Structures are given as C-alpha cells and as structure tokens.
PDB file of N, CA and C in Angstrom:
ATOM      1  N   MET A   1       0.818  -1.199   0.000  1.00  0.00           N
ATOM      2  CA  MET A   1       0.000   0.000   0.000  1.00  0.00           C
ATOM      3  C   MET A   1       0.856   1.255   0.000  1.00  0.00           C
ATOM      4  N   SER A   2       1.956   1.280   0.767  1.00  0.00           N
ATOM      5  CA  SER A   2       2.779   2.480   0.853  1.00  0.00           C
ATOM      6  C   SER A   2       3.409   2.853  -0.482  1.00  0.00           C
ATOM      7  N   SER A   3       3.500   1.921  -1.418  1.00  0.00           N
ATOM      8  CA  SER A   3       4.097   2.237  -2.705  1.00  0.00           C
ATOM      9  C   SER A   3       3.223   3.179  -3.528  1.00  0.00           C
ATOM     10  N   THR A   4       1.928   3.303  -3.182  1.00  0.00           N
ATOM     11  CA  THR A   4       1.036   4.203  -3.902  1.00  0.00           C
ATOM     12  C   THR A   4       1.033   5.603  -3.290  1.00  0.00           C
ATOM     13  N   LEU A   5       1.664   5.762  -2.145  1.00  0.00           N
ATOM     14  CA  LEU A   5       1.705   7.059  -1.480  1.00  0.00           C
ATOM     15  C   LEU A   5       2.863   7.881  -2.018  1.00  0.00           C
ATOM     16  N   PRO A   6       2.717   9.223  -1.981  1.00  0.00           N
ATOM     17  CA  PRO A   6       3.813  10.062  -2.451  1.00  0.00           C
ATOM     18  C   PRO A   6       5.076   9.846  -1.612  1.00  0.00           C
ATOM     19  N   ASN A   7       6.217   9.997  -2.246  1.00  0.00           N
ATOM     20  CA  ASN A   7       7.493   9.844  -1.572  1.00  0.00           C
ATOM     21  C   ASN A   7       7.793  11.119  -0.795  1.00  0.00           C
ATOM     22  N   SER A   8       7.656  11.073   0.501  1.00  0.00           N
ATOM     23  CA  SER A   8       7.818  12.252   1.344  1.00  0.00           C
ATOM     24  C   SER A   8       9.297  12.504   1.659  1.00  0.00           C
ATOM     25  N   PRO A   9       9.743  13.771   1.615  1.00  0.00           N
ATOM     26  CA  PRO A   9      11.115  14.085   1.996  1.00  0.00           C
ATOM     27  C   PRO A   9      11.316  14.045   3.514  1.00  0.00           C
ATOM     28  N   LEU A  10      10.211  13.924   4.254  1.00  0.00           N
ATOM     29  CA  LEU A  10      10.250  13.854   5.715  1.00  0.00           C
ATOM     30  C   LEU A  10       9.525  12.587   6.151  1.00  0.00           C
ATOM     31  N   THR A  11      10.213  11.755   6.908  1.00  0.00           N
ATOM     32  CA  THR A  11       9.611  10.522   7.406  1.00  0.00           C
ATOM     33  C   THR A  11       9.779  10.448   8.917  1.00  0.00           C
ATOM     34  N   THR A  12       8.980   9.591   9.539  1.00  0.00           N
ATOM     35  CA  THR A  12       9.088   9.388  10.975  1.00  0.00           C
ATOM     36  C   THR A  12       8.871   7.923  11.294  1.00  0.00           C
ATOM     37  N   TYR A  13       9.307   7.552  12.456  1.00  0.00           N
ATOM     38  CA  TYR A  13       9.128   6.200  12.969  1.00  0.00           C
ATOM     39  C   TYR A  13       9.018   6.301  14.476  1.00  0.00           C
ATOM     40  N   VAL A  14       8.048   5.604  15.065  1.00  0.00           N
ATOM     41  CA  VAL A  14       7.887   5.590  16.517  1.00  0.00           C
ATOM     42  C   VAL A  14       8.181   4.182  17.006  1.00  0.00           C
ATOM     43  N   LEU A  15       9.071   4.089  17.990  1.00  0.00           N
ATOM     44  CA  LEU A  15       9.406   2.812  18.602  1.00  0.00           C
ATOM     45  C   LEU A  15       9.061   2.872  20.082  1.00  0.00           C
ATOM     46  N   ASN A  16       8.197   1.978  20.511  1.00  0.00           N
ATOM     47  CA  ASN A  16       7.858   1.818  21.919  1.00  0.00           C
ATOM     48  C   ASN A  16       8.991   1.004  22.538  1.00  0.00           C
ATOM     49  N   THR A  17       9.970   1.700  23.115  1.00  0.00           N
ATOM     50  CA  THR A  17      11.151   1.018  23.638  1.00  0.00           C
ATOM     51  C   THR A  17      10.852   0.256  24.923  1.00  0.00           C
ATOM     52  N   GLY A  18       9.803   0.641  25.641  1.00  0.00           N
ATOM     53  CA  GLY A  18       9.429  -0.076  26.859  1.00  0.00           C
ATOM     54  C   GLY A  18       8.993  -1.500  26.567  1.00  0.00           C
ATOM     55  N   ASP A  19       8.279  -1.685  25.464  1.00  0.00           N
ATOM     56  CA  ASP A  19       7.788  -3.010  25.092  1.00  0.00           C
ATOM     57  C   ASP A  19       8.564  -3.609  23.926  1.00  0.00           C
ATOM     58  N   GLY A  20       9.437  -2.814  23.298  1.00  0.00           N
ATOM     59  CA  GLY A  20      10.229  -3.304  22.177  1.00  0.00           C
ATOM     60  C   GLY A  20       9.421  -3.554  20.918  1.00  0.00           C
ATOM     61  N   VAL A  21       8.390  -2.723  20.700  1.00  0.00           N
ATOM     62  CA  VAL A  21       7.516  -2.879  19.532  1.00  0.00           C
ATOM     63  C   VAL A  21       7.317  -1.521  18.855  1.00  0.00           C
ATOM     64  N   PRO A  22       6.911  -1.516  17.583  1.00  0.00           N
ATOM     65  CA  PRO A  22       6.601  -0.239  16.931  1.00  0.00           C
ATOM     66  C   PRO A  22       5.453   0.477  17.639  1.00  0.00           C
ATOM     67  N   GLY A  23       5.487   1.795  17.601  1.00  0.00           N
ATOM     68  CA  GLY A  23       4.419   2.615  18.167  1.00  0.00           C
ATOM     69  C   GLY A  23       3.278   2.725  17.173  1.00  0.00           C
ATOM     70  N   ALA A  24       2.479   1.686  17.073  1.00  0.00           N
ATOM     71  CA  ALA A  24       1.407   1.608  16.078  1.00  0.00           C
ATOM     72  C   ALA A  24       0.181   2.409  16.506  1.00  0.00           C
ATOM     73  N   ARG A  25      -0.492   2.973  15.521  1.00  0.00           N
ATOM     74  CA  ARG A  25      -1.753   3.705  15.702  1.00  0.00           C
ATOM     75  C   ARG A  25      -1.610   4.928  16.608  1.00  0.00           C
ATOM     76  N   MET A  26      -0.497   5.644  16.478  1.00  0.00           N
ATOM     77  CA  MET A  26      -0.305   6.884  17.236  1.00  0.00           C
ATOM     78  C   MET A  26      -0.650   8.067  16.345  1.00  0.00           C
ATOM     79  N   ALA A  27      -1.523   8.932  16.826  1.00  0.00           N
ATOM     80  CA  ALA A  27      -1.875  10.142  16.090  1.00  0.00           C
ATOM     81  C   ALA A  27      -0.706  11.126  16.148  1.00  0.00           C
ATOM     82  N   LEU A  28      -0.508  11.837  15.044  1.00  0.00           N
ATOM     83  CA  LEU A  28       0.533  12.863  15.005  1.00  0.00           C
ATOM     84  C   LEU A  28       0.118  13.972  14.054  1.00  0.00           C
ATOM     85  N   SER A  29       0.785  15.093  14.176  1.00  0.00           N
ATOM     86  CA  SER A  29       0.520  16.219  13.282  1.00  0.00           C
ATOM     87  C   SER A  29       1.827  16.941  12.971  1.00  0.00           C
ATOM     88  N   LEU A  30       1.881  17.526  11.786  1.00  0.00           N
ATOM     89  CA  LEU A  30       3.039  18.287  11.333  1.00  0.00           C
ATOM     90  C   LEU A  30       2.608  19.733  11.155  1.00  0.00           C
ATOM     91  N   HIS A  31       3.403  20.656  11.691  1.00  0.00           N
ATOM     92  CA  HIS A  31       3.102  22.083  11.647  1.00  0.00           C
ATOM     93  C   HIS A  31       4.305  22.843  11.109  1.00  0.00           C
ATOM     94  N   ARG A  32       4.056  24.005  10.502  1.00  0.00           N
ATOM     95  CA  ARG A  32       5.126  24.884  10.012  1.00  0.00           C
ATOM     96  C   ARG A  32       4.923  26.263  10.622  1.00  0.00           C
ATOM     97  N   LEU A  33       6.008  26.870  11.081  1.00  0.00           N
ATOM     98  CA  LEU A  33       5.937  28.188  11.702  1.00  0.00           C
ATOM     99  C   LEU A  33       5.823  29.273  10.644  1.00  0.00           C
ATOM    100  N   ASP A  34       4.825  30.121  10.788  1.00  0.00           N
ATOM    101  CA  ASP A  34       4.722  31.331   9.973  1.00  0.00           C
ATOM    102  C   ASP A  34       5.589  32.368  10.675  1.00  0.00           C
ATOM    103  N   SER A  35       6.747  32.666  10.107  1.00  0.00           N
ATOM    104  CA  SER A  35       7.714  33.538  10.780  1.00  0.00           C
ATOM    105  C   SER A  35       7.251  34.983  10.874  1.00  0.00           C
ATOM    106  N   LEU A  36       6.345  35.403  10.025  1.00  0.00           N
ATOM    107  CA  LEU A  36       5.829  36.776  10.104  1.00  0.00           C
ATOM    108  C   LEU A  36       4.804  36.927  11.221  1.00  0.00           C
ATOM    109  N   LEU A  37       3.877  35.999  11.304  1.00  0.00           N
ATOM    110  CA  LEU A  37       2.823  36.054  12.322  1.00  0.00           C
ATOM    111  C   LEU A  37       3.206  35.337  13.605  1.00  0.00           C
ATOM    112  N   VAL A  38       4.292  34.580  13.560  1.00  0.00           N
ATOM    113  CA  VAL A  38       4.789  33.782  14.677  1.00  0.00           C
ATOM    114  C   VAL A  38       3.678  32.867  15.221  1.00  0.00           C
ATOM    115  N   ILE A  39       3.052  32.130  14.292  1.00  0.00           N
ATOM    116  CA  ILE A  39       2.061  31.132  14.665  1.00  0.00           C
ATOM    117  C   ILE A  39       2.357  29.838  13.908  1.00  0.00           C
ATOM    118  N   TRP A  40       1.946  28.739  14.499  1.00  0.00           N
ATOM    119  CA  TRP A  40       2.126  27.437  13.876  1.00  0.00           C
ATOM    120  C   TRP A  40       0.923  27.133  12.993  1.00  0.00           C
ATOM    121  N   ASN A  41       1.177  26.791  11.745  1.00  0.00           N
ATOM    122  CA  ASN A  41       0.126  26.390  10.808  1.00  0.00           C
ATOM    123  C   ASN A  41       0.168  24.879  10.621  1.00  0.00           C
ATOM    124  N   LEU A  42      -0.990  24.266  10.704  1.00  0.00           N
ATOM    125  CA  LEU A  42      -1.089  22.828  10.513  1.00  0.00           C
ATOM    126  C   LEU A  42      -0.808  22.477   9.054  1.00  0.00           C
ATOM    127  N   VAL A  43       0.105  21.545   8.830  1.00  0.00           N
ATOM    128  CA  VAL A  43       0.431  21.069   7.487  1.00  0.00           C
ATOM    129  C   VAL A  43      -0.360  19.807   7.185  1.00  0.00           C
ATOM    130  N   THR A  44      -0.322  18.843   8.122  1.00  0.00           N
ATOM    131  CA  THR A  44      -1.013  17.576   7.919  1.00  0.00           C
ATOM    132  C   THR A  44      -1.191  16.858   9.246  1.00  0.00           C
ATOM    133  N   VAL A  45      -2.087  15.902   9.247  1.00  0.00           N
ATOM    134  CA  VAL A  45      -2.270  14.999  10.380  1.00  0.00           C
ATOM    135  C   VAL A  45      -2.145  13.575   9.861  1.00  0.00           C
ATOM    136  N   GLY A  46      -1.819  12.676  10.745  1.00  0.00           N
ATOM    137  CA  GLY A  46      -1.698  11.288  10.350  1.00  0.00           C
ATOM    138  C   GLY A  46      -1.713  10.376  11.558  1.00  0.00           C
ATOM    139  N   THR A  47      -1.602   9.100  11.279  1.00  0.00           N
ATOM    140  CA  THR A  47      -1.545   8.066  12.308  1.00  0.00           C
ATOM    141  C   THR A  47      -0.498   7.054  11.877  1.00  0.00           C
ATOM    142  N   THR A  48       0.319   6.631  12.816  1.00  0.00           N
ATOM    143  CA  THR A  48       1.325   5.638  12.460  1.00  0.00           C
ATOM    144  C   THR A  48       0.657   4.306  12.105  1.00  0.00           C
ATOM    145  N   ASP A  49       1.286   3.600  11.180  1.00  0.00           N
ATOM    146  CA  ASP A  49       0.773   2.301  10.768  1.00  0.00           C
ATOM    147  C   ASP A  49       1.248   1.222  11.747  1.00  0.00           C
ATOM    148  N   GLU A  50       0.996  -0.021  11.424  1.00  0.00           N
ATOM    149  CA  GLU A  50       1.368  -1.126  12.313  1.00  0.00           C
ATOM    150  C   GLU A  50       2.879  -1.244  12.506  1.00  0.00           C
ATOM    151  N   ASP A  51       3.643  -0.651  11.594  1.00  0.00           N
ATOM    152  CA  ASP A  51       5.105  -0.672  11.697  1.00  0.00           C
ATOM    153  C   ASP A  51       5.642   0.585  12.390  1.00  0.00           C
ATOM    154  N   GLY A  52       4.753   1.454  12.903  1.00  0.00           N
ATOM    155  CA  GLY A  52       5.174   2.668  13.590  1.00  0.00           C
ATOM    156  C   GLY A  52       5.567   3.798  12.665  1.00  0.00           C
ATOM    157  N   ARG A  53       5.234   3.680  11.374  1.00  0.00           N
ATOM    158  CA  ARG A  53       5.603   4.694  10.386  1.00  0.00           C
ATOM    159  C   ARG A  53       4.366   5.442   9.911  1.00  0.00           C
ATOM    160  N   CYS A  54       4.588   6.649   9.403  1.00  0.00           N
ATOM    161  CA  CYS A  54       3.497   7.465   8.873  1.00  0.00           C
ATOM    162  C   CYS A  54       3.939   8.004   7.511  1.00  0.00           C
ATOM    163  N   PRO A  55       3.693   7.235   6.457  1.00  0.00           N
ATOM    164  CA  PRO A  55       4.152   7.649   5.123  1.00  0.00           C
ATOM    165  C   PRO A  55       3.353   8.823   4.567  1.00  0.00           C
ATOM    166  N   GLY A  56       3.962   9.528   3.618  1.00  0.00           N
ATOM    167  CA  GLY A  56       3.262  10.605   2.919  1.00  0.00           C
ATOM    168  C   GLY A  56       2.979  11.838   3.755  1.00  0.00           C
ATOM    169  N   LEU A  57       3.892  12.193   4.668  1.00  0.00           N
ATOM    170  CA  LEU A  57       3.660  13.339   5.545  1.00  0.00           C
ATOM    171  C   LEU A  57       3.549  14.666   4.797  1.00  0.00           C
ATOM    172  N   ILE A  58       4.436  14.876   3.832  1.00  0.00           N
ATOM    173  CA  ILE A  58       4.463  16.165   3.136  1.00  0.00           C
ATOM    174  C   ILE A  58       5.050  15.926   1.735  1.00  0.00           C
ATOM    175  N   THR A  59       4.559  16.673   0.786  1.00  0.00           N
ATOM    176  CA  THR A  59       5.080  16.539  -0.575  1.00  0.00           C
ATOM    177  C   THR A  59       6.385  17.313  -0.711  1.00  0.00           C
ATOM    178  N   THR A  60       7.157  16.953  -1.705  1.00  0.00           N
ATOM    179  CA  THR A  60       8.410  17.667  -1.982  1.00  0.00           C
ATOM    180  C   THR A  60       8.133  19.132  -2.286  1.00  0.00           C
ATOM    181  N   LYS A  61       7.063  19.399  -3.008  1.00  0.00           N
ATOM    182  CA  LYS A  61       6.712  20.785  -3.359  1.00  0.00           C
ATOM    183  C   LYS A  61       6.367  21.626  -2.121  1.00  0.00           C
ATOM    184  N   ALA A  62       5.662  21.029  -1.169  1.00  0.00           N
ATOM    185  CA  ALA A  62       5.247  21.757   0.035  1.00  0.00           C
ATOM    186  C   ALA A  62       6.358  21.879   1.068  1.00  0.00           C
ATOM    187  N   PHE A  63       7.414  21.083   0.922  1.00  0.00           N
ATOM    188  CA  PHE A  63       8.504  21.056   1.900  1.00  0.00           C
ATOM    189  C   PHE A  63       9.491  22.163   1.590  1.00  0.00           C
ATOM    190  N   THR A  64       9.339  23.288   2.247  1.00  0.00           N
ATOM    191  CA  THR A  64      10.162  24.470   2.008  1.00  0.00           C
ATOM    192  C   THR A  64      11.004  24.779   3.245  1.00  0.00           C
ATOM    193  N   PRO A  65      12.054  25.580   3.091  1.00  0.00           N
ATOM    194  CA  PRO A  65      12.861  25.938   4.259  1.00  0.00           C
ATOM    195  C   PRO A  65      11.998  26.605   5.331  1.00  0.00           C
ATOM    196  N   GLY A  66      12.332  26.338   6.572  1.00  0.00           N
ATOM    197  CA  GLY A  66      11.603  26.942   7.676  1.00  0.00           C
ATOM    198  C   GLY A  66      11.674  26.097   8.921  1.00  0.00           C
ATOM    199  N   MET A  67      10.917  26.532   9.921  1.00  0.00           N
ATOM    200  CA  MET A  67      10.860  25.823  11.188  1.00  0.00           C
ATOM    201  C   MET A  67       9.573  24.997  11.223  1.00  0.00           C
ATOM    202  N   TYR A  68       9.715  23.744  11.627  1.00  0.00           N
ATOM    203  CA  TYR A  68       8.604  22.803  11.690  1.00  0.00           C
ATOM    204  C   TYR A  68       8.524  22.211  13.090  1.00  0.00           C
ATOM    205  N   LYS A  69       7.374  21.635  13.405  1.00  0.00           N
ATOM    206  CA  LYS A  69       7.266  20.798  14.592  1.00  0.00           C
ATOM    207  C   LYS A  69       6.367  19.627  14.282  1.00  0.00           C
ATOM    208  N   MET A  70       6.734  18.494  14.842  1.00  0.00           N
ATOM    209  CA  MET A  70       5.918  17.310  14.750  1.00  0.00           C
ATOM    210  C   MET A  70       5.419  17.015  16.156  1.00  0.00           C
ATOM    211  N   ARG A  71       4.101  16.859  16.265  1.00  0.00           N
ATOM    212  CA  ARG A  71       3.478  16.591  17.560  1.00  0.00           C
ATOM    213  C   ARG A  71       2.957  15.155  17.557  1.00  0.00           C
ATOM    214  N   PHE A  72       3.407  14.387  18.526  1.00  0.00           N
ATOM    215  CA  PHE A  72       2.994  12.999  18.702  1.00  0.00           C
ATOM    216  C   PHE A  72       2.054  12.927  19.904  1.00  0.00           C
ATOM    217  N   GLU A  73       0.894  12.316  19.735  1.00  0.00           N
ATOM    218  CA  GLU A  73      -0.106  12.214  20.801  1.00  0.00           C
ATOM    219  C   GLU A  73       0.188  10.982  21.652  1.00  0.00           C
ATOM    220  N   THR A  74       1.226  11.094  22.468  1.00  0.00           N
ATOM    221  CA  THR A  74       1.725   9.963  23.241  1.00  0.00           C
ATOM    222  C   THR A  74       0.779   9.553  24.372  1.00  0.00           C
ATOM    223  N   GLY A  75       0.113  10.513  24.989  1.00  0.00           N
ATOM    224  CA  GLY A  75      -0.818  10.185  26.067  1.00  0.00           C
ATOM    225  C   GLY A  75      -1.959   9.307  25.577  1.00  0.00           C
ATOM    226  N   GLN A  76      -2.534   9.664  24.430  1.00  0.00           N
ATOM    227  CA  GLN A  76      -3.613   8.859  23.845  1.00  0.00           C
ATOM    228  C   GLN A  76      -3.112   7.463  23.482  1.00  0.00           C
ATOM    229  N   TYR A  77      -1.890   7.411  22.963  1.00  0.00           N
ATOM    230  CA  TYR A  77      -1.305   6.117  22.588  1.00  0.00           C
ATOM    231  C   TYR A  77      -1.216   5.198  23.804  1.00  0.00           C
ATOM    232  N   TRP A  78      -0.625   5.682  24.896  1.00  0.00           N
ATOM    233  CA  TRP A  78      -0.467   4.845  26.084  1.00  0.00           C
ATOM    234  C   TRP A  78      -1.821   4.494  26.686  1.00  0.00           C
ATOM    235  N   GLU A  79      -2.744   5.436  26.672  1.00  0.00           N
ATOM    236  CA  GLU A  79      -4.084   5.170  27.198  1.00  0.00           C
ATOM    237  C   GLU A  79      -4.764   4.043  26.409  1.00  0.00           C
ATOM    238  N   SER A  80      -4.560   4.028  25.085  1.00  0.00           N
ATOM    239  CA  SER A  80      -5.156   2.974  24.254  1.00  0.00           C
ATOM    240  C   SER A  80      -4.588   1.598  24.591  1.00  0.00           C
ATOM    241  N   LEU A  81      -3.404   1.580  25.203  1.00  0.00           N
ATOM    242  CA  LEU A  81      -2.779   0.324  25.621  1.00  0.00           C
ATOM    243  C   LEU A  81      -3.089  -0.017  27.077  1.00  0.00           C
ATOM    244  N   GLY A  82      -3.903   0.838  27.723  1.00  0.00           N
ATOM    245  CA  GLY A  82      -4.278   0.598  29.112  1.00  0.00           C
ATOM    246  C   GLY A  82      -3.272   1.085  30.124  1.00  0.00           C
ATOM    247  N   HIS A  83      -2.412   2.029  29.717  1.00  0.00           N
ATOM    248  CA  HIS A  83      -1.377   2.565  30.609  1.00  0.00           C
ATOM    249  C   HIS A  83      -1.508   4.084  30.726  1.00  0.00           C
ATOM    250  N   ASN A  84      -0.938   4.617  31.775  1.00  0.00           N
ATOM    251  CA  ASN A  84      -0.776   6.064  31.855  1.00  0.00           C
ATOM    252  C   ASN A  84       0.661   6.387  31.489  1.00  0.00           C
ATOM    253  N   SER A  85       0.928   7.663  31.280  1.00  0.00           N
ATOM    254  CA  SER A  85       2.297   8.084  30.955  1.00  0.00           C
ATOM    255  C   SER A  85       2.543   9.475  31.497  1.00  0.00           C
ATOM    256  N   PHE A  86       3.788   9.819  31.605  1.00  0.00           N
ATOM    257  CA  PHE A  86       4.173  11.120  32.130  1.00  0.00           C
ATOM    258  C   PHE A  86       3.960  12.235  31.110  1.00  0.00           C
ATOM    259  N   TYR A  87       4.152  11.937  29.827  1.00  0.00           N
ATOM    260  CA  TYR A  87       4.060  12.949  28.777  1.00  0.00           C
ATOM    261  C   TYR A  87       2.749  12.803  28.008  1.00  0.00           C
ATOM    262  N   PRO A  88       1.861  13.803  28.061  1.00  0.00           N
ATOM    263  CA  PRO A  88       0.608  13.723  27.316  1.00  0.00           C
ATOM    264  C   PRO A  88       0.819  13.841  25.806  1.00  0.00           C
ATOM    265  N   TYR A  89       1.897  14.499  25.415  1.00  0.00           N
ATOM    266  CA  TYR A  89       2.284  14.598  24.014  1.00  0.00           C
ATOM    267  C   TYR A  89       3.760  14.941  23.951  1.00  0.00           C
ATOM    268  N   VAL A  90       4.344  14.724  22.781  1.00  0.00           N
ATOM    269  CA  VAL A  90       5.740  15.092  22.537  1.00  0.00           C
ATOM    270  C   VAL A  90       5.762  15.968  21.297  1.00  0.00           C
ATOM    271  N   GLU A  91       6.373  17.132  21.412  1.00  0.00           N
ATOM    272  CA  GLU A  91       6.565  18.001  20.254  1.00  0.00           C
ATOM    273  C   GLU A  91       8.052  18.117  19.969  1.00  0.00           C
ATOM    274  N   ILE A  92       8.403  17.873  18.718  1.00  0.00           N
ATOM    275  CA  ILE A  92       9.793  17.985  18.292  1.00  0.00           C
ATOM    276  C   ILE A  92       9.854  19.122  17.284  1.00  0.00           C
ATOM    277  N   VAL A  93      10.626  20.150  17.619  1.00  0.00           N
ATOM    278  CA  VAL A  93      10.763  21.330  16.758  1.00  0.00           C
ATOM    279  C   VAL A  93      12.105  21.223  16.050  1.00  0.00           C
ATOM    280  N   PHE A  94      12.095  21.488  14.737  1.00  0.00           N
ATOM    281  CA  PHE A  94      13.318  21.362  13.949  1.00  0.00           C
ATOM    282  C   PHE A  94      13.300  22.370  12.810  1.00  0.00           C
ATOM    283  N   THR A  95      14.491  22.676  12.304  1.00  0.00           N
ATOM    284  CA  THR A  95      14.648  23.651  11.234  1.00  0.00           C
ATOM    285  C   THR A  95      15.146  22.967   9.970  1.00  0.00           C
ATOM    286  N   ILE A  96      14.511  23.298   8.856  1.00  0.00           N
ATOM    287  CA  ILE A  96      14.910  22.792   7.553  1.00  0.00           C
ATOM    288  C   ILE A  96      15.549  23.942   6.776  1.00  0.00           C
ATOM    289  N   THR A  97      16.808  23.777   6.416  1.00  0.00           N
ATOM    290  CA  THR A  97      17.476  24.796   5.603  1.00  0.00           C
ATOM    291  C   THR A  97      17.631  24.347   4.157  1.00  0.00           C
ATOM    292  N   ASN A  98      17.758  23.037   3.947  1.00  0.00           N
ATOM    293  CA  ASN A  98      17.906  22.504   2.591  1.00  0.00           C
ATOM    294  C   ASN A  98      16.810  21.462   2.351  1.00  0.00           C
ATOM    295  N   PRO A  99      15.684  21.863   1.771  1.00  0.00           N
ATOM    296  CA  PRO A  99      14.574  20.928   1.585  1.00  0.00           C
ATOM    297  C   PRO A  99      14.855  19.859   0.526  1.00  0.00           C
ATOM    298  N   ASN A 100      15.983  19.933  -0.161  1.00  0.00           N
ATOM    299  CA  ASN A 100      16.338  18.914  -1.145  1.00  0.00           C
ATOM    300  C   ASN A 100      16.924  17.660  -0.494  1.00  0.00           C
ATOM    301  N   GLU A 101      17.250  17.758   0.792  1.00  0.00           N
ATOM    302  CA  GLU A 101      17.748  16.598   1.526  1.00  0.00           C
ATOM    303  C   GLU A 101      16.558  15.780   2.024  1.00  0.00           C
ATOM    304  N   ARG A 102      16.835  14.576   2.461  1.00  0.00           N
ATOM    305  CA  ARG A 102      15.811  13.730   3.067  1.00  0.00           C
ATOM    306  C   ARG A 102      16.015  13.769   4.583  1.00  0.00           C
ATOM    307  N   PHE A 103      14.921  13.775   5.308  1.00  0.00           N
ATOM    308  CA  PHE A 103      14.982  13.874   6.763  1.00  0.00           C
ATOM    309  C   PHE A 103      14.135  12.766   7.380  1.00  0.00           C
ATOM    310  N   HIS A 104      14.703  12.112   8.390  1.00  0.00           N
ATOM    311  CA  HIS A 104      13.991  11.073   9.116  1.00  0.00           C
ATOM    312  C   HIS A 104      13.980  11.477  10.584  1.00  0.00           C
ATOM    313  N   LEU A 105      12.814  11.492  11.198  1.00  0.00           N
ATOM    314  CA  LEU A 105      12.653  11.957  12.572  1.00  0.00           C
ATOM    315  C   LEU A 105      12.070  10.837  13.430  1.00  0.00           C
ATOM    316  N   PRO A 106      12.924   9.967  13.990  1.00  0.00           N
ATOM    317  CA  PRO A 106      12.437   8.878  14.833  1.00  0.00           C
ATOM    318  C   PRO A 106      12.102   9.371  16.241  1.00  0.00           C
ATOM    319  N   LEU A 107      11.132   8.712  16.849  1.00  0.00           N
ATOM    320  CA  LEU A 107      10.795   8.957  18.250  1.00  0.00           C
ATOM    321  C   LEU A 107      10.911   7.633  18.981  1.00  0.00           C
ATOM    322  N   LEU A 108      11.826   7.568  19.938  1.00  0.00           N
ATOM    323  CA  LEU A 108      12.015   6.399  20.790  1.00  0.00           C
ATOM    324  C   LEU A 108      11.311   6.720  22.100  1.00  0.00           C
ATOM    325  N   LEU A 109      10.372   5.881  22.499  1.00  0.00           N
ATOM    326  CA  LEU A 109       9.412   6.264  23.515  1.00  0.00           C
ATOM    327  C   LEU A 109       9.167   5.174  24.549  1.00  0.00           C
ATOM    328  N   SER A 110       9.136   5.587  25.812  1.00  0.00           N
ATOM    329  CA  SER A 110       8.606   4.736  26.873  1.00  0.00           C
ATOM    330  C   SER A 110       7.581   5.583  27.635  1.00  0.00           C
ATOM    331  N   ARG A 111       6.971   5.030  28.643  1.00  0.00           N
ATOM    332  CA  ARG A 111       5.945   5.796  29.372  1.00  0.00           C
ATOM    333  C   ARG A 111       6.530   6.979  30.136  1.00  0.00           C
ATOM    334  N   PHE A 112       7.831   6.932  30.434  1.00  0.00           N
ATOM    335  CA  PHE A 112       8.423   7.975  31.264  1.00  0.00           C
ATOM    336  C   PHE A 112       9.642   8.647  30.649  1.00  0.00           C
ATOM    337  N   SER A 113       9.904   8.383  29.365  1.00  0.00           N
ATOM    338  CA  SER A 113      11.025   9.040  28.703  1.00  0.00           C
ATOM    339  C   SER A 113      10.839   8.977  27.197  1.00  0.00           C
ATOM    340  N   TYR A 114      11.589   9.837  26.512  1.00  0.00           N
ATOM    341  CA  TYR A 114      11.629   9.775  25.052  1.00  0.00           C
ATOM    342  C   TYR A 114      12.934  10.373  24.574  1.00  0.00           C
ATOM    343  N   SER A 115      13.322   9.992  23.357  1.00  0.00           N
ATOM    344  CA  SER A 115      14.491  10.590  22.722  1.00  0.00           C
ATOM    345  C   SER A 115      14.245  10.605  21.218  1.00  0.00           C
ATOM    346  N   THR A 116      15.007  11.431  20.546  1.00  0.00           N
ATOM    347  CA  THR A 116      14.877  11.572  19.100  1.00  0.00           C
ATOM    348  C   THR A 116      16.222  11.977  18.537  1.00  0.00           C
ATOM    349  N   TYR A 117      16.349  11.898  17.241  1.00  0.00           N
ATOM    350  CA  TYR A 117      17.566  12.326  16.562  1.00  0.00           C
ATOM    351  C   TYR A 117      17.215  12.574  15.108  1.00  0.00           C
ATOM    352  N   ARG A 118      18.102  13.239  14.400  1.00  0.00           N
ATOM    353  CA  ARG A 118      17.896  13.471  12.972  1.00  0.00           C
ATOM    354  C   ARG A 118      18.526  12.314  12.208  1.00  0.00           C
ATOM    355  N   GLY A 119      17.705  11.560  11.554  1.00  0.00           N
ATOM    356  CA  GLY A 119      18.184  10.488  10.690  1.00  0.00           C
ATOM    357  C   GLY A 119      18.159  10.968   9.244  1.00  0.00           C
ATOM    358  N   SER A 120      18.475  10.092   8.338  1.00  0.00           N
ATOM    359  CA  SER A 120      18.438  10.472   6.913  1.00  0.00           C
ATOM    360  C   SER A 120      17.781   9.380   6.100  1.00  0.00           C
TER     361      SER A 120
END
C-alpha cells in the first residue's frame, strides 16, 4: 500500500522502547511556523501504521525551508494500551534549511522518557 503514497522528503518512525515494539496507531501532526505572524500552521495529520511509520507526511513541493514541529499524541497512545504516561504529548521542533535533503525523525518512547535524533 505504501508504494502508492507520495514519496515524502520527511519521514518518521515511533518505537515503543518499553515493550520493544513499533508505536502503532499513534496520532501525530506536522506544523510549520509562519515567521511573520509567529504562529504554527497545521500542514497535515496522520496516524502511524502497524510498523510505527506514517508515510506521505508532506510533498516535496510543500517542503520548504523553515521551522517545523511534529506533535505525537503519546498520552492517547499509552491510554489505548491501558497505561498512563508522564508525557501527554511530545513536540519535536526542527529547522529545515535545505529541503532537497531527506529527513527522518524517529521517536524512541517509553511511558516515562523519550528521545529523538535526525536520521536520513
């Protein structure tokens, strides 16, 4: 199915490190900062698939230099698994200077911690 989706220059992956499984069915959203108005504009929303990935986040044409944030609805995710968590959501803010590159934004997550890094 993912082969029919547009090839996004920005990808993500969620790994539930507490259980050692992909973070499946997690809601997320991508936003871009309007630097003139200093407000975040919603670009897209999505949900991770069974492999913890969310393909087709943004098109190459729409991916322009600027500041972005990806918001992961971690509280809802843990609640759906019957657990509570310390973080109701995780927002990762990042800057794109060269939109011709490919960017991968993984989220490694447990109920009480998270980490991320810039992949390619």
